[in-house]
Amino acid sequence: MREPLTYEIALTAAESGIRFGRADGRALCVVVVNRSGITKVVLADDGVGALGVETARRKAYTSALSGATTAQFAALAASPKMQFAPTHLLDPHLLPVAGGVPIVTKEGEVIGAIGVGGADDITDDFIAGQARESVAELVG
């Protein structure tokens, strides 16, 4: 079975995220995972610590598995209907913090996700969205 998220798409998204972060004066980590949450690319800019790398990975993982942005997932995790099944009990790798966005084809198929870590959640989320837009034509 062919992997719908190619290395070219993953690398382009990650490099774009690093570039967008640098343009904003940020040192970030960008992780791209396939639809199963398996890491395809990790790029950490100079000065990014272990926390930035791990949060980027977990944001990408969460977005890929949920098919939603991690901001949307965070809202769901905080909702009263989730009080009896907290996300950390379901899967300890899930991270309900903004900064992860799914990569979705024009047909609506989630083929992977991008996670950004190293800044605040609003900045991470914005740059993840920019990285996703940078590969829109490649995704099709």
N, C-alpha and C. Protein backbone atom coordinates (compact mmCIF):
# COMPACT_ATOMS: atom_id res chain seq x y z
N MET A 1 0.83 -1.18 0.00
CA MET A 1 0.00 0.00 0.00
C MET A 1 0.88 1.25 0.00
N ARG A 2 0.57 2.16 -0.88
CA ARG A 2 1.34 3.39 -1.00
C ARG A 2 1.00 4.36 0.12
N GLU A 3 2.02 4.95 0.69
CA GLU A 3 1.84 5.96 1.74
C GLU A 3 1.35 7.25 1.09
N PRO A 4 0.15 7.74 1.46
CA PRO A 4 -0.37 8.96 0.84
C PRO A 4 0.43 10.21 1.20
N LEU A 5 1.05 10.21 2.39
CA LEU A 5 1.88 11.35 2.79
C LEU A 5 3.31 11.05 2.38
N THR A 6 3.73 11.63 1.27
CA THR A 6 5.07 11.36 0.76
C THR A 6 6.12 12.09 1.58
N TYR A 7 7.35 11.63 1.43
CA TYR A 7 8.48 12.30 2.07
C TYR A 7 8.58 13.73 1.58
N GLU A 8 8.34 13.96 0.29
CA GLU A 8 8.41 15.31 -0.27
C GLU A 8 7.43 16.25 0.42
N ILE A 9 6.20 15.80 0.62
CA ILE A 9 5.20 16.63 1.29
C ILE A 9 5.62 16.89 2.74
N ALA A 10 6.04 15.84 3.44
CA ALA A 10 6.42 15.98 4.84
C ALA A 10 7.61 16.92 5.02
N LEU A 11 8.64 16.74 4.19
CA LEU A 11 9.83 17.59 4.30
C LEU A 11 9.51 19.03 3.94
N THR A 12 8.73 19.24 2.89
CA THR A 12 8.36 20.60 2.48
C THR A 12 7.59 21.30 3.59
N ALA A 13 6.65 20.60 4.22
CA ALA A 13 5.87 21.19 5.31
C ALA A 13 6.78 21.55 6.48
N ALA A 14 7.68 20.64 6.86
CA ALA A 14 8.57 20.90 7.99
C ALA A 14 9.51 22.06 7.70
N GLU A 15 10.10 22.08 6.52
CA GLU A 15 11.00 23.18 6.17
C GLU A 15 10.26 24.51 6.13
N SER A 16 9.04 24.49 5.65
CA SER A 16 8.23 25.71 5.62
C SER A 16 7.96 26.21 7.03
N GLY A 17 7.62 25.30 7.92
CA GLY A 17 7.37 25.69 9.31
C GLY A 17 8.58 26.34 9.96
N ILE A 18 9.75 25.75 9.73
CA ILE A 18 10.99 26.34 10.26
C ILE A 18 11.20 27.73 9.67
N ARG A 19 11.00 27.86 8.36
CA ARG A 19 11.18 29.15 7.68
C ARG A 19 10.21 30.20 8.22
N PHE A 20 8.92 29.82 8.38
CA PHE A 20 7.93 30.76 8.90
C PHE A 20 8.27 31.16 10.34
N GLY A 21 8.76 30.21 11.13
CA GLY A 21 9.17 30.53 12.49
C GLY A 21 10.32 31.51 12.52
N ARG A 22 11.31 31.27 11.69
CA ARG A 22 12.46 32.18 11.63
C ARG A 22 12.04 33.58 11.19
N ALA A 23 11.11 33.65 10.25
CA ALA A 23 10.63 34.96 9.78
C ALA A 23 9.95 35.72 10.92
N ASP A 24 9.43 34.98 11.89
CA ASP A 24 8.77 35.59 13.06
C ASP A 24 9.73 35.71 14.24
N GLY A 25 11.00 35.37 14.01
CA GLY A 25 12.00 35.46 15.07
C GLY A 25 11.92 34.33 16.08
N ARG A 26 11.37 33.21 15.68
CA ARG A 26 11.17 32.07 16.59
C ARG A 26 12.04 30.88 16.19
N ALA A 27 12.57 30.21 17.18
CA ALA A 27 13.25 28.93 16.97
C ALA A 27 12.25 27.85 17.36
N LEU A 28 11.85 27.04 16.38
CA LEU A 28 10.78 26.07 16.59
C LEU A 28 11.20 24.67 16.18
N CYS A 29 10.40 23.72 16.58
CA CYS A 29 10.49 22.36 16.08
C CYS A 29 9.22 22.08 15.30
N VAL A 30 9.37 21.42 14.16
CA VAL A 30 8.23 21.02 13.34
C VAL A 30 8.33 19.52 13.12
N VAL A 31 7.24 18.82 13.45
CA VAL A 31 7.17 17.38 13.26
C VAL A 31 6.01 17.08 12.33
N VAL A 32 6.25 16.21 11.36
CA VAL A 32 5.19 15.77 10.46
C VAL A 32 5.05 14.26 10.62
N VAL A 33 3.81 13.83 10.83
CA VAL A 33 3.51 12.41 11.00
C VAL A 33 2.55 11.95 9.91
N ASN A 34 2.51 10.64 9.67
CA ASN A 34 1.53 10.11 8.74
C ASN A 34 0.19 9.94 9.45
N ARG A 35 -0.80 9.42 8.76
CA ARG A 35 -2.15 9.32 9.33
C ARG A 35 -2.24 8.39 10.53
N SER A 36 -1.25 7.52 10.69
CA SER A 36 -1.22 6.61 11.85
C SER A 36 -0.47 7.22 13.03
N GLY A 37 0.07 8.42 12.84
CA GLY A 37 0.82 9.07 13.90
C GLY A 37 2.29 8.72 13.92
N ILE A 38 2.76 8.02 12.88
CA ILE A 38 4.16 7.63 12.80
C ILE A 38 4.97 8.81 12.25
N THR A 39 6.05 9.15 12.94
CA THR A 39 6.86 10.30 12.58
C THR A 39 7.53 10.09 11.22
N LYS A 40 7.35 11.07 10.33
CA LYS A 40 8.02 11.07 9.02
C LYS A 40 9.22 12.01 9.02
N VAL A 41 9.05 13.21 9.61
CA VAL A 41 10.11 14.22 9.60
C VAL A 41 10.10 14.98 10.93
N VAL A 42 11.28 15.20 11.46
CA VAL A 42 11.47 16.08 12.62
C VAL A 42 12.55 17.08 12.26
N LEU A 43 12.22 18.36 12.33
CA LEU A 43 13.22 19.42 12.14
C LEU A 43 13.16 20.33 13.36
N ALA A 44 14.28 20.46 14.04
CA ALA A 44 14.37 21.34 15.20
C ALA A 44 15.39 22.42 14.90
N ASP A 45 14.96 23.66 14.97
CA ASP A 45 15.86 24.78 14.70
C ASP A 45 16.87 24.91 15.84
N ASP A 46 17.91 25.67 15.59
CA ASP A 46 18.94 25.91 16.59
C ASP A 46 18.31 26.47 17.86
N GLY A 47 18.65 25.89 18.99
CA GLY A 47 18.17 26.41 20.26
C GLY A 47 16.88 25.80 20.77
N VAL A 48 16.26 24.92 20.01
CA VAL A 48 15.02 24.30 20.47
C VAL A 48 15.38 23.18 21.45
N GLY A 49 14.71 23.18 22.58
CA GLY A 49 14.97 22.17 23.60
C GLY A 49 14.11 20.93 23.44
N ALA A 50 14.34 19.99 24.32
CA ALA A 50 13.62 18.72 24.29
C ALA A 50 12.11 18.91 24.43
N LEU A 51 11.69 19.87 25.23
CA LEU A 51 10.26 20.12 25.41
C LEU A 51 9.60 20.56 24.10
N GLY A 52 10.27 21.42 23.35
CA GLY A 52 9.74 21.86 22.06
C GLY A 52 9.61 20.72 21.07
N VAL A 53 10.59 19.82 21.08
CA VAL A 53 10.57 18.67 20.16
C VAL A 53 9.43 17.71 20.55
N GLU A 54 9.32 17.41 21.84
CA GLU A 54 8.31 16.45 22.28
C GLU A 54 6.89 17.01 22.12
N THR A 55 6.68 18.28 22.41
CA THR A 55 5.34 18.83 22.24
C THR A 55 4.96 18.88 20.76
N ALA A 56 5.90 19.19 19.89
CA ALA A 56 5.61 19.19 18.45
C ALA A 56 5.20 17.79 17.99
N ARG A 57 5.92 16.77 18.46
CA ARG A 57 5.59 15.39 18.08
C ARG A 57 4.20 15.00 18.57
N ARG A 58 3.92 15.31 19.82
CA ARG A 58 2.63 14.93 20.38
C ARG A 58 1.48 15.72 19.76
N LYS A 59 1.70 16.95 19.39
CA LYS A 59 0.66 17.73 18.71
C LYS A 59 0.36 17.13 17.34
N ALA A 60 1.40 16.78 16.60
CA ALA A 60 1.20 16.16 15.29
C ALA A 60 0.46 14.83 15.43
N TYR A 61 0.88 14.02 16.38
CA TYR A 61 0.25 12.72 16.65
C TYR A 61 -1.24 12.91 16.97
N THR A 62 -1.53 13.82 17.87
CA THR A 62 -2.92 14.07 18.29
C THR A 62 -3.78 14.51 17.12
N SER A 63 -3.25 15.39 16.31
CA SER A 63 -4.01 15.89 15.17
C SER A 63 -4.25 14.80 14.13
N ALA A 64 -3.25 13.98 13.87
CA ALA A 64 -3.41 12.90 12.89
C ALA A 64 -4.45 11.89 13.35
N LEU A 65 -4.37 11.50 14.61
CA LEU A 65 -5.29 10.48 15.10
C LEU A 65 -6.72 10.99 15.27
N SER A 66 -6.85 12.26 15.65
CA SER A 66 -8.20 12.82 15.85
C SER A 66 -8.80 13.36 14.55
N GLY A 67 -7.94 13.70 13.58
CA GLY A 67 -8.43 14.29 12.35
C GLY A 67 -8.86 15.73 12.51
N ALA A 68 -8.50 16.33 13.63
CA ALA A 68 -8.88 17.71 13.94
C ALA A 68 -7.64 18.49 14.33
N THR A 69 -7.77 19.80 14.40
CA THR A 69 -6.66 20.59 14.93
C THR A 69 -6.55 20.28 16.42
N THR A 70 -5.38 20.50 16.98
CA THR A 70 -5.25 20.25 18.42
C THR A 70 -5.99 21.33 19.22
N ALA A 71 -6.24 22.48 18.64
CA ALA A 71 -7.07 23.49 19.31
C ALA A 71 -8.50 22.95 19.45
N GLN A 72 -9.02 22.33 18.39
CA GLN A 72 -10.35 21.72 18.46
C GLN A 72 -10.36 20.56 19.44
N PHE A 73 -9.31 19.76 19.42
CA PHE A 73 -9.20 18.63 20.33
C PHE A 73 -9.13 19.10 21.79
N ALA A 74 -8.44 20.21 22.03
CA ALA A 74 -8.34 20.76 23.39
C ALA A 74 -9.72 21.19 23.89
N ALA A 75 -10.52 21.79 23.01
CA ALA A 75 -11.87 22.20 23.40
C ALA A 75 -12.71 20.97 23.76
N LEU A 76 -12.58 19.91 22.99
CA LEU A 76 -13.31 18.68 23.29
C LEU A 76 -12.83 18.08 24.61
N ALA A 77 -11.52 18.05 24.81
CA ALA A 77 -10.95 17.46 26.03
C ALA A 77 -11.40 18.22 27.27
N ALA A 78 -11.63 19.52 27.14
CA ALA A 78 -12.05 20.34 28.27
C ALA A 78 -13.56 20.33 28.49
N SER A 79 -14.30 19.75 27.57
CA SER A 79 -15.75 19.76 27.66
C SER A 79 -16.24 18.83 28.76
N PRO A 80 -17.41 19.13 29.33
CA PRO A 80 -17.96 18.29 30.40
C PRO A 80 -18.16 16.83 29.99
N LYS A 81 -18.44 16.58 28.71
CA LYS A 81 -18.66 15.19 28.30
C LYS A 81 -17.39 14.33 28.37
N MET A 82 -16.23 14.97 28.49
CA MET A 82 -14.98 14.22 28.57
C MET A 82 -14.50 14.04 30.02
N GLN A 83 -15.25 14.55 30.99
CA GLN A 83 -14.79 14.48 32.37
C GLN A 83 -14.63 13.05 32.89
N PHE A 84 -15.36 12.11 32.33
CA PHE A 84 -15.27 10.73 32.79
C PHE A 84 -14.28 9.89 31.97
N ALA A 85 -13.74 10.48 30.92
CA ALA A 85 -12.74 9.79 30.10
C ALA A 85 -11.68 10.79 29.67
N PRO A 86 -10.87 11.26 30.62
CA PRO A 86 -9.84 12.24 30.28
C PRO A 86 -8.89 11.72 29.21
N THR A 87 -8.49 12.58 28.32
CA THR A 87 -7.66 12.16 27.18
C THR A 87 -6.37 11.48 27.61
N HIS A 88 -5.76 11.91 28.70
CA HIS A 88 -4.50 11.29 29.11
C HIS A 88 -4.68 9.85 29.56
N LEU A 89 -5.91 9.46 29.90
CA LEU A 89 -6.17 8.06 30.25
C LEU A 89 -6.42 7.22 29.00
N LEU A 90 -6.91 7.86 27.96
CA LEU A 90 -7.17 7.15 26.70
C LEU A 90 -5.87 6.81 25.98
N ASP A 91 -4.99 7.79 25.91
CA ASP A 91 -3.72 7.62 25.21
C ASP A 91 -2.77 8.68 25.77
N PRO A 92 -1.73 8.28 26.47
CA PRO A 92 -0.84 9.26 27.10
C PRO A 92 -0.05 10.12 26.11
N HIS A 93 -0.09 9.80 24.83
CA HIS A 93 0.62 10.60 23.83
C HIS A 93 -0.22 11.75 23.29
N LEU A 94 -1.52 11.73 23.57
CA LEU A 94 -2.40 12.81 23.11
C LEU A 94 -2.06 14.09 23.87
N LEU A 95 -2.06 15.20 23.16
CA LEU A 95 -1.75 16.49 23.78
C LEU A 95 -2.77 17.53 23.34
N PRO A 96 -3.69 17.88 24.22
CA PRO A 96 -4.73 18.85 23.86
C PRO A 96 -4.26 20.30 24.02
N VAL A 97 -3.31 20.70 23.17
CA VAL A 97 -2.75 22.05 23.17
C VAL A 97 -2.64 22.49 21.71
N ALA A 98 -3.06 23.71 21.42
CA ALA A 98 -3.00 24.22 20.04
C ALA A 98 -1.58 24.15 19.49
N GLY A 99 -1.50 23.90 18.17
CA GLY A 99 -0.21 23.82 17.50
C GLY A 99 -0.08 22.62 16.59
N GLY A 100 -1.17 21.86 16.45
CA GLY A 100 -1.18 20.71 15.55
C GLY A 100 -2.33 20.83 14.57
N VAL A 101 -2.06 20.55 13.31
CA VAL A 101 -3.10 20.64 12.27
C VAL A 101 -3.03 19.41 11.37
N PRO A 102 -4.19 18.88 10.97
CA PRO A 102 -4.17 17.73 10.07
C PRO A 102 -3.84 18.16 8.64
N ILE A 103 -3.26 17.24 7.90
CA ILE A 103 -3.05 17.43 6.47
C ILE A 103 -4.14 16.62 5.79
N VAL A 104 -5.00 17.31 5.05
CA VAL A 104 -6.20 16.70 4.50
C VAL A 104 -6.23 16.92 2.99
N THR A 105 -6.57 15.87 2.24
CA THR A 105 -6.69 16.00 0.79
C THR A 105 -7.98 16.76 0.44
N LYS A 106 -8.10 17.14 -0.80
CA LYS A 106 -9.33 17.82 -1.26
C LYS A 106 -10.56 16.93 -1.12
N GLU A 107 -10.34 15.61 -1.11
CA GLU A 107 -11.44 14.65 -0.93
C GLU A 107 -11.80 14.47 0.54
N GLY A 108 -11.05 15.10 1.45
CA GLY A 108 -11.34 15.01 2.87
C GLY A 108 -10.61 13.91 3.62
N GLU A 109 -9.64 13.26 2.98
CA GLU A 109 -8.89 12.19 3.64
C GLU A 109 -7.73 12.78 4.45
N VAL A 110 -7.67 12.44 5.73
CA VAL A 110 -6.55 12.85 6.57
C VAL A 110 -5.37 11.94 6.24
N ILE A 111 -4.28 12.53 5.76
CA ILE A 111 -3.11 11.73 5.39
C ILE A 111 -1.94 11.94 6.35
N GLY A 112 -2.10 12.84 7.29
CA GLY A 112 -1.05 13.11 8.25
C GLY A 112 -1.35 14.37 9.03
N ALA A 113 -0.32 14.87 9.70
CA ALA A 113 -0.50 16.09 10.48
C ALA A 113 0.85 16.75 10.72
N ILE A 114 0.77 18.04 11.04
CA ILE A 114 1.94 18.86 11.34
C ILE A 114 1.80 19.35 12.78
N GLY A 115 2.86 19.20 13.54
CA GLY A 115 2.89 19.73 14.90
C GLY A 115 4.04 20.71 15.04
N VAL A 116 3.79 21.81 15.72
CA VAL A 116 4.82 22.82 15.95
C VAL A 116 4.96 23.04 17.45
N GLY A 117 6.19 23.10 17.92
CA GLY A 117 6.48 23.36 19.32
C GLY A 117 7.63 24.32 19.46
N GLY A 118 7.66 24.99 20.59
CA GLY A 118 8.78 25.88 20.87
C GLY A 118 8.38 27.31 21.16
N ALA A 119 7.17 27.68 20.80
CA ALA A 119 6.67 29.03 21.11
C ALA A 119 5.42 28.85 21.96
N ASP A 120 4.59 29.87 22.02
CA ASP A 120 3.31 29.73 22.71
C ASP A 120 2.33 29.02 21.79
N ASP A 121 1.22 28.54 22.34
CA ASP A 121 0.29 27.73 21.56
C ASP A 121 -0.33 28.50 20.39
N ILE A 122 -0.59 29.78 20.55
CA ILE A 122 -1.19 30.57 19.46
C ILE A 122 -0.21 30.69 18.30
N THR A 123 1.05 30.97 18.60
CA THR A 123 2.07 31.08 17.56
C THR A 123 2.30 29.72 16.90
N ASP A 124 2.43 28.68 17.71
CA ASP A 124 2.62 27.33 17.17
C ASP A 124 1.48 26.97 16.22
N ASP A 125 0.26 27.26 16.63
CA ASP A 125 -0.92 26.95 15.81
C ASP A 125 -0.90 27.71 14.49
N PHE A 126 -0.58 28.98 14.55
CA PHE A 126 -0.54 29.81 13.34
C PHE A 126 0.52 29.29 12.36
N ILE A 127 1.69 28.97 12.87
CA ILE A 127 2.77 28.50 11.99
C ILE A 127 2.46 27.11 11.44
N ALA A 128 1.83 26.26 12.24
CA ALA A 128 1.42 24.94 11.73
C ALA A 128 0.44 25.11 10.57
N GLY A 129 -0.48 26.05 10.70
CA GLY A 129 -1.43 26.33 9.61
C GLY A 129 -0.73 26.83 8.36
N GLN A 130 0.26 27.71 8.54
CA GLN A 130 1.03 28.20 7.40
C GLN A 130 1.79 27.06 6.71
N ALA A 131 2.36 26.19 7.51
CA ALA A 131 3.10 25.04 6.94
C ALA A 131 2.16 24.14 6.15
N ARG A 132 0.96 23.94 6.67
CA ARG A 132 -0.02 23.12 5.95
C ARG A 132 -0.39 23.79 4.62
N GLU A 133 -0.59 25.07 4.62
CA GLU A 133 -0.93 25.78 3.38
C GLU A 133 0.20 25.68 2.36
N SER A 134 1.44 25.59 2.84
CA SER A 134 2.59 25.52 1.92
C SER A 134 2.61 24.24 1.11
N VAL A 135 1.91 23.21 1.56
CA VAL A 135 1.90 21.93 0.83
C VAL A 135 0.53 21.61 0.22
N ALA A 136 -0.38 22.56 0.24
CA ALA A 136 -1.74 22.31 -0.26
C ALA A 136 -1.74 21.81 -1.70
N GLU A 137 -0.90 22.38 -2.54
CA GLU A 137 -0.86 21.95 -3.95
C GLU A 137 -0.26 20.55 -4.09
N LEU A 138 0.70 20.22 -3.23
CA LEU A 138 1.31 18.88 -3.29
C LEU A 138 0.35 17.80 -2.80
N VAL A 139 -0.50 18.16 -1.84
CA VAL A 139 -1.43 17.20 -1.27
C VAL A 139 -2.53 16.85 -2.24
N GLY A 140 -3.01 17.88 -2.93
CA GLY A 140 -4.07 17.66 -3.93
C GLY A 140 -5.43 17.41 -3.36
